[in-house]
Amino acid sequence: MKSLMTLISALLMALALPAWASVSRDDAAAVAQQASGGRVLAVEKTEREGRPVWRVKVLTPQGEVKVILIEVASGRTL
């Protein structure tokens, strides 16, 4: 019975892992690069509305510098 409870607990924790996962600096750079088609200049972690975000500065193919915000928790662009 104890091993069954341990197994169930481990499975529940494994299912909850995506909620705890966070996007890495490299992943945020890749998302911003794909979204802009440009070259990543800088990546830094900051907050927006109390939530952690990656602030990614990119140079677009048109020569413009843009800032793209990426949610740390989900990897979505804001």
PDB file of N, CA and C in Angstrom:
ATOM      1  N   MET A   1       0.828  -1.191   0.000  1.00  0.00           N
ATOM      2  CA  MET A   1       0.000   0.000   0.000  1.00  0.00           C
ATOM      3  C   MET A   1       0.874   1.258   0.000  1.00  0.00           C
ATOM      4  N   LYS A   2       1.974   1.210   0.785  1.00  0.00           N
ATOM      5  CA  LYS A   2       2.854   2.370   0.845  1.00  0.00           C
ATOM      6  C   LYS A   2       3.492   2.645  -0.513  1.00  0.00           C
ATOM      7  N   SER A   3       3.903   1.584  -1.211  1.00  0.00           N
ATOM      8  CA  SER A   3       4.525   1.777  -2.525  1.00  0.00           C
ATOM      9  C   SER A   3       3.513   2.290  -3.548  1.00  0.00           C
ATOM     10  N   LEU A   4       2.269   1.894  -3.423  1.00  0.00           N
ATOM     11  CA  LEU A   4       1.220   2.391  -4.313  1.00  0.00           C
ATOM     12  C   LEU A   4       1.001   3.890  -4.098  1.00  0.00           C
ATOM     13  N   MET A   5       0.987   4.317  -2.855  1.00  0.00           N
ATOM     14  CA  MET A   5       0.812   5.746  -2.546  1.00  0.00           C
ATOM     15  C   MET A   5       2.017   6.545  -3.044  1.00  0.00           C
ATOM     16  N   THR A   6       3.202   5.976  -2.930  1.00  0.00           N
ATOM     17  CA  THR A   6       4.404   6.642  -3.440  1.00  0.00           C
ATOM     18  C   THR A   6       4.331   6.788  -4.952  1.00  0.00           C
ATOM     19  N   LEU A   7       3.894   5.745  -5.629  1.00  0.00           N
ATOM     20  CA  LEU A   7       3.761   5.785  -7.074  1.00  0.00           C
ATOM     21  C   LEU A   7       2.717   6.818  -7.500  1.00  0.00           C
ATOM     22  N   ILE A   8       1.593   6.847  -6.839  1.00  0.00           N
ATOM     23  CA  ILE A   8       0.539   7.813  -7.156  1.00  0.00           C
ATOM     24  C   ILE A   8       1.043   9.241  -6.918  1.00  0.00           C
ATOM     25  N   SER A   9       1.746   9.453  -5.829  1.00  0.00           N
ATOM     26  CA  SER A   9       2.297  10.778  -5.538  1.00  0.00           C
ATOM     27  C   SER A   9       3.294  11.205  -6.612  1.00  0.00           C
ATOM     28  N   ALA A  10       4.146  10.282  -7.028  1.00  0.00           N
ATOM     29  CA  ALA A  10       5.138  10.592  -8.056  1.00  0.00           C
ATOM     30  C   ALA A  10       4.460  10.930  -9.380  1.00  0.00           C
ATOM     31  N   LEU A  11       3.420  10.197  -9.727  1.00  0.00           N
ATOM     32  CA  LEU A  11       2.695  10.473 -10.966  1.00  0.00           C
ATOM     33  C   LEU A  11       2.010  11.841 -10.924  1.00  0.00           C
ATOM     34  N   LEU A  12       1.407  12.175  -9.800  1.00  0.00           N
ATOM     35  CA  LEU A  12       0.752  13.476  -9.670  1.00  0.00           C
ATOM     36  C   LEU A  12       1.761  14.616  -9.762  1.00  0.00           C
ATOM     37  N   MET A  13       2.926  14.424  -9.177  1.00  0.00           N
ATOM     38  CA  MET A  13       3.962  15.453  -9.256  1.00  0.00           C
ATOM     39  C   MET A  13       4.472  15.601 -10.686  1.00  0.00           C
ATOM     40  N   ALA A  14       4.612  14.486 -11.398  1.00  0.00           N
ATOM     41  CA  ALA A  14       5.075  14.536 -12.788  1.00  0.00           C
ATOM     42  C   ALA A  14       4.058  15.254 -13.673  1.00  0.00           C
ATOM     43  N   LEU A  15       2.784  15.049 -13.414  1.00  0.00           N
ATOM     44  CA  LEU A  15       1.756  15.724 -14.192  1.00  0.00           C
ATOM     45  C   LEU A  15       1.734  17.227 -13.927  1.00  0.00           C
ATOM     46  N   ALA A  16       2.122  17.633 -12.748  1.00  0.00           N
ATOM     47  CA  ALA A  16       2.112  19.044 -12.390  1.00  0.00           C
ATOM     48  C   ALA A  16       3.363  19.776 -12.855  1.00  0.00           C
ATOM     49  N   LEU A  17       4.383  19.079 -13.321  1.00  0.00           N
ATOM     50  CA  LEU A  17       5.639  19.713 -13.715  1.00  0.00           C
ATOM     51  C   LEU A  17       5.495  20.817 -14.755  1.00  0.00           C
ATOM     52  N   PRO A  18       4.678  20.668 -15.800  1.00  0.00           N
ATOM     53  CA  PRO A  18       4.578  21.757 -16.765  1.00  0.00           C
ATOM     54  C   PRO A  18       4.129  23.074 -16.140  1.00  0.00           C
ATOM     55  N   ALA A  19       3.343  23.038 -15.094  1.00  0.00           N
ATOM     56  CA  ALA A  19       2.908  24.262 -14.427  1.00  0.00           C
ATOM     57  C   ALA A  19       4.074  24.945 -13.725  1.00  0.00           C
ATOM     58  N   TRP A  20       5.083  24.173 -13.313  1.00  0.00           N
ATOM     59  CA  TRP A  20       6.231  24.741 -12.618  1.00  0.00           C
ATOM     60  C   TRP A  20       7.343  25.119 -13.591  1.00  0.00           C
ATOM     61  N   ALA A  21       7.270  24.584 -14.803  1.00  0.00           N
ATOM     62  CA  ALA A  21       8.346  24.807 -15.759  1.00  0.00           C
ATOM     63  C   ALA A  21       8.438  26.279 -16.120  1.00  0.00           C
ATOM     64  N   SER A  22       9.629  26.708 -16.429  1.00  0.00           N
ATOM     65  CA  SER A  22       9.800  28.078 -16.873  1.00  0.00           C
ATOM     66  C   SER A  22      10.664  28.104 -18.115  1.00  0.00           C
ATOM     67  N   VAL A  23      10.486  29.137 -18.897  1.00  0.00           N
ATOM     68  CA  VAL A  23      11.205  29.296 -20.146  1.00  0.00           C
ATOM     69  C   VAL A  23      12.606  29.825 -19.840  1.00  0.00           C
ATOM     70  N   SER A  24      13.606  29.208 -20.416  1.00  0.00           N
ATOM     71  CA  SER A  24      14.985  29.632 -20.190  1.00  0.00           C
ATOM     72  C   SER A  24      15.308  30.882 -21.010  1.00  0.00           C
ATOM     73  N   ARG A  25      16.433  31.475 -20.705  1.00  0.00           N
ATOM     74  CA  ARG A  25      16.911  32.649 -21.456  1.00  0.00           C
ATOM     75  C   ARG A  25      17.077  32.296 -22.942  1.00  0.00           C
ATOM     76  N   ASP A  26      17.655  31.131 -23.220  1.00  0.00           N
ATOM     77  CA  ASP A  26      17.861  30.708 -24.611  1.00  0.00           C
ATOM     78  C   ASP A  26      16.543  30.461 -25.325  1.00  0.00           C
ATOM     79  N   ASP A  27      15.579  29.855 -24.618  1.00  0.00           N
ATOM     80  CA  ASP A  27      14.266  29.613 -25.212  1.00  0.00           C
ATOM     81  C   ASP A  27      13.573  30.932 -25.537  1.00  0.00           C
ATOM     82  N   ALA A  28      13.668  31.907 -24.624  1.00  0.00           N
ATOM     83  CA  ALA A  28      13.058  33.216 -24.854  1.00  0.00           C
ATOM     84  C   ALA A  28      13.688  33.896 -26.063  1.00  0.00           C
ATOM     85  N   ALA A  29      15.010  33.785 -26.200  1.00  0.00           N
ATOM     86  CA  ALA A  29      15.700  34.369 -27.353  1.00  0.00           C
ATOM     87  C   ALA A  29      15.216  33.714 -28.643  1.00  0.00           C
ATOM     88  N   ALA A  30      15.045  32.402 -28.627  1.00  0.00           N
ATOM     89  CA  ALA A  30      14.581  31.684 -29.816  1.00  0.00           C
ATOM     90  C   ALA A  30      13.161  32.102 -30.192  1.00  0.00           C
ATOM     91  N   VAL A  31      12.284  32.258 -29.209  1.00  0.00           N
ATOM     92  CA  VAL A  31      10.906  32.674 -29.463  1.00  0.00           C
ATOM     93  C   VAL A  31      10.890  34.072 -30.081  1.00  0.00           C
ATOM     94  N   ALA A  32      11.663  34.982 -29.506  1.00  0.00           N
ATOM     95  CA  ALA A  32      11.713  36.357 -30.013  1.00  0.00           C
ATOM     96  C   ALA A  32      12.305  36.406 -31.420  1.00  0.00           C
ATOM     97  N   GLN A  33      13.334  35.609 -31.654  1.00  0.00           N
ATOM     98  CA  GLN A  33      13.952  35.589 -32.977  1.00  0.00           C
ATOM     99  C   GLN A  33      12.972  35.081 -34.020  1.00  0.00           C
ATOM    100  N   GLN A  34      12.238  34.044 -33.671  1.00  0.00           N
ATOM    101  CA  GLN A  34      11.250  33.486 -34.599  1.00  0.00           C
ATOM    102  C   GLN A  34      10.115  34.477 -34.841  1.00  0.00           C
ATOM    103  N   ALA A  35       9.685  35.176 -33.793  1.00  0.00           N
ATOM    104  CA  ALA A  35       8.579  36.128 -33.919  1.00  0.00           C
ATOM    105  C   ALA A  35       8.961  37.353 -34.750  1.00  0.00           C
ATOM    106  N   SER A  36      10.221  37.771 -34.657  1.00  0.00           N
ATOM    107  CA  SER A  36      10.640  39.001 -35.330  1.00  0.00           C
ATOM    108  C   SER A  36      11.381  38.764 -36.637  1.00  0.00           C
ATOM    109  N   GLY A  37      11.971  37.599 -36.774  1.00  0.00           N
ATOM    110  CA  GLY A  37      12.807  37.326 -37.931  1.00  0.00           C
ATOM    111  C   GLY A  37      14.141  38.051 -37.868  1.00  0.00           C
ATOM    112  N   GLY A  38      14.433  38.626 -36.699  1.00  0.00           N
ATOM    113  CA  GLY A  38      15.637  39.426 -36.553  1.00  0.00           C
ATOM    114  C   GLY A  38      16.725  38.744 -35.755  1.00  0.00           C
ATOM    115  N   ARG A  39      17.705  39.555 -35.343  1.00  0.00           N
ATOM    116  CA  ARG A  39      18.857  39.065 -34.581  1.00  0.00           C
ATOM    117  C   ARG A  39      18.726  39.535 -33.140  1.00  0.00           C
ATOM    118  N   VAL A  40      18.898  38.627 -32.201  1.00  0.00           N
ATOM    119  CA  VAL A  40      18.776  38.955 -30.781  1.00  0.00           C
ATOM    120  C   VAL A  40      20.013  39.730 -30.338  1.00  0.00           C
ATOM    121  N   LEU A  41      19.766  40.873 -29.696  1.00  0.00           N
ATOM    122  CA  LEU A  41      20.848  41.717 -29.206  1.00  0.00           C
ATOM    123  C   LEU A  41      21.086  41.525 -27.709  1.00  0.00           C
ATOM    124  N   ALA A  42      19.994  41.361 -26.939  1.00  0.00           N
ATOM    125  CA  ALA A  42      20.115  41.243 -25.483  1.00  0.00           C
ATOM    126  C   ALA A  42      18.884  40.563 -24.916  1.00  0.00           C
ATOM    127  N   VAL A  43      19.077  39.866 -23.795  1.00  0.00           N
ATOM    128  CA  VAL A  43      17.974  39.216 -23.079  1.00  0.00           C
ATOM    129  C   VAL A  43      18.176  39.480 -21.599  1.00  0.00           C
ATOM    130  N   GLU A  44      17.130  39.979 -20.943  1.00  0.00           N
ATOM    131  CA  GLU A  44      17.211  40.173 -19.494  1.00  0.00           C
ATOM    132  C   GLU A  44      15.867  39.842 -18.860  1.00  0.00           C
ATOM    133  N   LYS A  45      15.934  39.405 -17.614  1.00  0.00           N
ATOM    134  CA  LYS A  45      14.728  39.052 -16.882  1.00  0.00           C
ATOM    135  C   LYS A  45      14.233  40.278 -16.118  1.00  0.00           C
ATOM    136  N   THR A  46      12.923  40.519 -16.192  1.00  0.00           N
ATOM    137  CA  THR A  46      12.310  41.648 -15.501  1.00  0.00           C
ATOM    138  C   THR A  46      10.897  41.244 -15.102  1.00  0.00           C
ATOM    139  N   GLU A  47      10.091  42.208 -14.670  1.00  0.00           N
ATOM    140  CA  GLU A  47       8.698  41.930 -14.294  1.00  0.00           C
ATOM    141  C   GLU A  47       7.760  42.850 -15.038  1.00  0.00           C
ATOM    142  N   ARG A  48       6.584  42.331 -15.315  1.00  0.00           N
ATOM    143  CA  ARG A  48       5.507  43.134 -15.884  1.00  0.00           C
ATOM    144  C   ARG A  48       4.235  42.726 -15.178  1.00  0.00           C
ATOM    145  N   GLU A  49       3.568  43.704 -14.587  1.00  0.00           N
ATOM    146  CA  GLU A  49       2.332  43.465 -13.833  1.00  0.00           C
ATOM    147  C   GLU A  49       2.528  42.377 -12.781  1.00  0.00           C
ATOM    148  N   GLY A  50       3.701  42.382 -12.148  1.00  0.00           N
ATOM    149  CA  GLY A  50       3.983  41.447 -11.072  1.00  0.00           C
ATOM    150  C   GLY A  50       4.383  40.053 -11.517  1.00  0.00           C
ATOM    151  N   ARG A  51       4.495  39.835 -12.817  1.00  0.00           N
ATOM    152  CA  ARG A  51       4.873  38.511 -13.327  1.00  0.00           C
ATOM    153  C   ARG A  51       6.250  38.585 -13.975  1.00  0.00           C
ATOM    154  N   PRO A  52       7.057  37.548 -13.822  1.00  0.00           N
ATOM    155  CA  PRO A  52       8.382  37.552 -14.449  1.00  0.00           C
ATOM    156  C   PRO A  52       8.270  37.393 -15.965  1.00  0.00           C
ATOM    157  N   VAL A  53       9.040  38.198 -16.679  1.00  0.00           N
ATOM    158  CA  VAL A  53       9.082  38.131 -18.136  1.00  0.00           C
ATOM    159  C   VAL A  53      10.532  38.272 -18.594  1.00  0.00           C
ATOM    160  N   TRP A  54      10.792  37.762 -19.776  1.00  0.00           N
ATOM    161  CA  TRP A  54      12.073  37.995 -20.440  1.00  0.00           C
ATOM    162  C   TRP A  54      11.885  39.198 -21.350  1.00  0.00           C
ATOM    163  N   ARG A  55      12.797  40.156 -21.277  1.00  0.00           N
ATOM    164  CA  ARG A  55      12.799  41.334 -22.145  1.00  0.00           C
ATOM    165  C   ARG A  55      13.886  41.080 -23.184  1.00  0.00           C
ATOM    166  N   VAL A  56      13.458  40.857 -24.427  1.00  0.00           N
ATOM    167  CA  VAL A  56      14.392  40.490 -25.483  1.00  0.00           C
ATOM    168  C   VAL A  56      14.470  41.637 -26.490  1.00  0.00           C
ATOM    169  N   LYS A  57      15.665  42.163 -26.671  1.00  0.00           N
ATOM    170  CA  LYS A  57      15.892  43.231 -27.636  1.00  0.00           C
ATOM    171  C   LYS A  57      16.400  42.589 -28.921  1.00  0.00           C
ATOM    172  N   VAL A  58      15.712  42.902 -30.047  1.00  0.00           N
ATOM    173  CA  VAL A  58      16.085  42.320 -31.332  1.00  0.00           C
ATOM    174  C   VAL A  58      16.303  43.413 -32.379  1.00  0.00           C
ATOM    175  N   LEU A  59      17.137  43.119 -33.347  1.00  0.00           N
ATOM    176  CA  LEU A  59      17.348  43.970 -34.502  1.00  0.00           C
ATOM    177  C   LEU A  59      16.609  43.311 -35.659  1.00  0.00           C
ATOM    178  N   THR A  60      15.573  43.978 -36.172  1.00  0.00           N
ATOM    179  CA  THR A  60      14.756  43.402 -37.238  1.00  0.00           C
ATOM    180  C   THR A  60      15.498  43.464 -38.569  1.00  0.00           C
ATOM    181  N   PRO A  61      15.044  42.690 -39.558  1.00  0.00           N
ATOM    182  CA  PRO A  61      15.663  42.751 -40.887  1.00  0.00           C
ATOM    183  C   PRO A  61      15.575  44.151 -41.522  1.00  0.00           C
ATOM    184  N   GLN A  62      14.632  44.967 -41.066  1.00  0.00           N
ATOM    185  CA  GLN A  62      14.483  46.334 -41.572  1.00  0.00           C
ATOM    186  C   GLN A  62      15.413  47.319 -40.869  1.00  0.00           C
ATOM    187  N   GLY A  63      16.185  46.839 -39.905  1.00  0.00           N
ATOM    188  CA  GLY A  63      17.135  47.683 -39.194  1.00  0.00           C
ATOM    189  C   GLY A  63      16.567  48.375 -37.967  1.00  0.00           C
ATOM    190  N   GLU A  64      15.364  48.004 -37.548  1.00  0.00           N
ATOM    191  CA  GLU A  64      14.736  48.586 -36.353  1.00  0.00           C
ATOM    192  C   GLU A  64      15.092  47.752 -35.123  1.00  0.00           C
ATOM    193  N   VAL A  65      15.253  48.421 -34.003  1.00  0.00           N
ATOM    194  CA  VAL A  65      15.456  47.721 -32.733  1.00  0.00           C
ATOM    195  C   VAL A  65      14.101  47.640 -32.047  1.00  0.00           C
ATOM    196  N   LYS A  66      13.686  46.440 -31.705  1.00  0.00           N
ATOM    197  CA  LYS A  66      12.405  46.218 -31.033  1.00  0.00           C
ATOM    198  C   LYS A  66      12.634  45.433 -29.761  1.00  0.00           C
ATOM    199  N   VAL A  67      11.719  45.628 -28.801  1.00  0.00           N
ATOM    200  CA  VAL A  67      11.734  44.865 -27.552  1.00  0.00           C
ATOM    201  C   VAL A  67      10.523  43.945 -27.558  1.00  0.00           C
ATOM    202  N   ILE A  68      10.767  42.672 -27.312  1.00  0.00           N
ATOM    203  CA  ILE A  68       9.703  41.674 -27.252  1.00  0.00           C
ATOM    204  C   ILE A  68       9.710  41.090 -25.847  1.00  0.00           C
ATOM    205  N   LEU A  69       8.540  41.070 -25.222  1.00  0.00           N
ATOM    206  CA  LEU A  69       8.409  40.500 -23.883  1.00  0.00           C
ATOM    207  C   LEU A  69       7.883  39.076 -23.991  1.00  0.00           C
ATOM    208  N   ILE A  70       8.535  38.163 -23.275  1.00  0.00           N
ATOM    209  CA  ILE A  70       8.173  36.741 -23.272  1.00  0.00           C
ATOM    210  C   ILE A  70       7.862  36.343 -21.825  1.00  0.00           C
ATOM    211  N   GLU A  71       6.665  35.767 -21.598  1.00  0.00           N
ATOM    212  CA  GLU A  71       6.321  35.285 -20.266  1.00  0.00           C
ATOM    213  C   GLU A  71       7.250  34.138 -19.879  1.00  0.00           C
ATOM    214  N   VAL A  72       7.819  34.215 -18.676  1.00  0.00           N
ATOM    215  CA  VAL A  72       8.720  33.168 -18.196  1.00  0.00           C
ATOM    216  C   VAL A  72       7.951  31.866 -17.983  1.00  0.00           C
ATOM    217  N   ALA A  73       6.741  31.962 -17.469  1.00  0.00           N
ATOM    218  CA  ALA A  73       5.973  30.758 -17.136  1.00  0.00           C
ATOM    219  C   ALA A  73       5.490  29.991 -18.360  1.00  0.00           C
ATOM    220  N   SER A  74       5.077  30.706 -19.422  1.00  0.00           N
ATOM    221  CA  SER A  74       4.449  30.034 -20.549  1.00  0.00           C
ATOM    222  C   SER A  74       5.225  30.117 -21.855  1.00  0.00           C
ATOM    223  N   GLY A  75       6.088  31.110 -22.003  1.00  0.00           N
ATOM    224  CA  GLY A  75       6.798  31.288 -23.264  1.00  0.00           C
ATOM    225  C   GLY A  75       6.016  32.081 -24.291  1.00  0.00           C
ATOM    226  N   ARG A  76       4.877  32.625 -23.885  1.00  0.00           N
ATOM    227  CA  ARG A  76       4.058  33.428 -24.803  1.00  0.00           C
ATOM    228  C   ARG A  76       4.637  34.841 -24.935  1.00  0.00           C
ATOM    229  N   THR A  77       4.476  35.407 -26.128  1.00  0.00           N
ATOM    230  CA  THR A  77       4.869  36.804 -26.313  1.00  0.00           C
ATOM    231  C   THR A  77       3.746  37.692 -25.798  1.00  0.00           C
ATOM    232  N   LEU A  78       4.134  38.832 -25.255  1.00  0.00           N
ATOM    233  CA  LEU A  78       3.152  39.789 -24.737  1.00  0.00           C
ATOM    234  C   LEU A  78       3.063  40.989 -25.660  1.00  0.00           C
TER     235      LEU A  78
END
